[in-house]
Structures are given as C-alpha cells and as structure tokens.
Amino acid sequence: MKIHNYNQCATRLSRRDFLYLSGIGTVALLSGCAVHPVTGRRQLMLMSEDQEIRLDRENSPHQISADYGLVQDQALNDYISGVGRQIAGQSHRPDMPYSFNTLNASYVNAYAFPGGTIGLTRGILLDLENEAELASLIGHEVGHVSARHTAQRMTRGLLAAAVFSGAAVAAGPELQNVVAGLGGIGAGALLASYSRNQEREADELGLDYMAGSGYNPQGFVGLMEMLMDMSGRDKGHLAVLFATHPMSSERYQTALIRADAERALRDQPVYRERYMDNISGLRRIEEAIRQLQEGDDQMMDGNPVNARKNYDRALVIVPDDYAANLKQAKCLLALNQGREAEIHALAAREAYPDEPQAVHVLGMIHLNRNSFDQALTHFEAYNTQLPGNPNNVFFRGYCLEGMGRRDRAAGKYYAYLQHVSSGDYARHAHARLQEWGYI
C-alpha cells in the first residue's frame, strides 16, 4: 500500500489505534485500510473479506460438528434459513455467503462466523416466543458479520501481539504469513467474547434489519427480555451464551427506547402461530431437550452419575436422537463403562451417519481400551469426513505410537505441533520427538 493511502486511513484512526501503531513500526505501512460496511468510514483492518470467508469455511464445520450437526428436520432447516435470508437481504453486507444452521445442540446459544455462517441451537429456539424474536436474534448475529466484529477483534489481537513481542514486521510476505496463520486458531477463538460496544452495535443493526423486513419491533424487546431473564440464572447450559454475548440492563433499556421510536411498525405482526407451527417438532421433544440441558449441567459440575440419569430420561423420549445417544456415550466413557458407551455411540452413528463426531467418540472408546488399531481406523474415518482437526492428528499419532510405528507417529506429532504449541498433547508430542531423536 502506498504511504499516501495509509495517511488517508491514519487520519481516521482512534487514539488507541494510534498508540498500537506507534509500537509496531512498519507493520502500519503494510496493513489494510478498509471502509467499514456500516459507518462508511475508513478503519485499520488486517483481514480482507476473502480471508474472513476462508477462516469461516475452515473453522465453522468443526463448530457445527461439535454442536452435533444440523437437525434432521429439513422443514425446520428451510424455515430458519428462509427467515435468515430475508434478514440478510436487509443487511449492509447482503452478498456475503450466509448460511443459517439449526443445530442439534441443547445448550442455549446463537453465533456467527465472520464469513456469514450462523448457528442457532435447539435450546435457544425453544426459548423464543415468535418469529419476530427469531428475526431479531438472527439480525443480531448478521449484525456481527456486517460490522466485521471478528475481524476487528483479530486485528487488535495481531497488533497487540506485535507490540508485546516487540516485533517489527518489515516485509509483505512476513505479514501475510502472520495473517495466514489465523487459519489454525480454531473455532473457539473466532467465537470469543464480543465487547459491550460490539454487542450494542449488533443490537442496533439487528433491530434495523428485522424492522426493515417488516417485523414488529416488539419482537426485539421480547428477545432482550428473554436474555435479561436468563442472565440471572446460574445454569451451565447458558454459560457460553453470556460468555460470548455479555448482557446488561442497558441493552434492554436501549431496546425499549429504539422499539418505541419505530411507531410506524407497531401494528406489524410477530407471527407467533407461524413460529410455533414450524418448531412443532422441537416442541414435541422439549422435555427431552430440557433433560439433556440438565445432564450437560451435571457433567460440567463433575457429576456424570447424575448426568447419566438425565440422559436416560431423554432417551426414553427420543431413543434415536443423535445428540442424546452421543452425550450418553461420552458420559458412560467418563464412568469407564466402555461397552455401554460403545452401544450408544454406535446408535448415534446409525442415526446420523453423515455427522462425524460419533466416529471420533468410537475412536476414543477403543483408545481407552488400548485397541490402537481399531481406534486408528475410526480416527482416520473421522478425518475423511471432517479433515483439518489438529487433535485428530494427535490421536492418530498416539495410536501409531501404541502400535509401535514410530516413524509414522513422529510424522503425526510433528504435524500436530505445527498447529498447537501448548497443552498436554503438545507436551507429549514434543517429548516423544525428543526421546526418539527427531528433534
């Protein structure tokens, strides 16, 4: 980038951005100067739109699998996607490759990846009262995409890392390597907590988008009321929602003021009956999903014995449910009841053969028995279905080590360490490579 263009960008930087830039020298000359899609102002941005989309495509499939895949109810998926497309059409970035995914997870959450992949769990859909609230929830997540909140956060992270490391990146290819390395950060970092300012901005955009789609703004107030009520509960299945989307009474009061200002739309419908009709399949199994939530809370509290009882109750209602069987398999594995765990993992795989998490759990069950060859078969099958998970690389290496295939194990451990440098697995991989004389 020419220095002339950089100066145009610099004139609109905040004081905090200037302080960041003063610490990293020539990084500033090589960084991106982008126009904010919402405000129209120029801002410092180290990620391009293409990089946002690439990061999304690399990481969102792993998060969707961790959330037990899409619900096997095509009519529900189509309904949620239809509302999502309508909202996205009102956004400041309507041409992003949006996808709206209804997920088997029972915890309460919704999230957006930077390229437009948006997930809503079964748990949160059961707590909404009407389509206007659904449109508000989707609008909020689309707002995060429109305002490029993930790219903003990661830009600041890269700048801060450069300041604290004392790095002065002086060549274009080196900066490109830093940015390209974001592809290995994993879904968790992409979905890290938004700031309160970002949440406020997403609220404003979400209300604009849902109102622009013809919904009654009272739906947004209803969503904020639901979140306010939930924020006072000490429940583990709510923890991720408020860890990534901090709630405050200020957000609720602002929603009331904004909704009141939209007087022209007060007579618009909230489409309660239409919403309830479309989630009727979920409502029929609501008690099972509540039992899964309770079981998850028990697992988070370190009580697998109690969690098993909750999962058993859920399975009485939905014996073929993928998530229920897989959660029970994990619970039984924690209780060292491998044979029963395998029964439920096999039932999960049969119920949803296209979703790979069950295959991974089967690999863990065999690994727990030191059946390294069978575990390796499952881990390799998982990698075929969903490549790119560094932990899967480690477990294949661990199986190969157990089978005495040192050279192949070393190759897997080395590949794992290219993506992960800390933690128990990284320490094991590094120790073996040292012990075997590879490093």
Foldseek 3Di string as FASTA:
>chain_A
DDVVVLVQQVVPEDPVVVVLDVQAPCVSVQWDWDQFLPPRHTYTFRDDLVLQQVLCVLAVVVVLLVLVHADPPVLLLVVLQVLLLLLLCLASCNPQPAHEGEGAHLFAAWAARQRHYIYGYLNNLVLAQFQLLSLLVSQLRSLCNSRVQLRVVVVVVVSVVCNVVSHHDDDNVVSVVVSVLVSLPHPDSRLAAGDPVSSLRSNVRSLSSSVVSQAQLVSSLRNLVSVVVVVPDDFPSCVSRCRRRPHDVVSNVVSVVVSVVVVVRNPGYRHRVVSCVSCVVSVQLVQLSVLQSVLVRCVVVVNLVVSLVSLVVSCVSVVQRLVSLQVNLVSVVVVVNLVSSLVSLVSNCVSPVLSLPSLQSNLVSCVVVLVLVSSLVSLVVSCVSRNDDLVSLLSNLVSCVSVVNLVSSLVSLVVSCVSDCDDDSVVVSVVSCVVVVVD
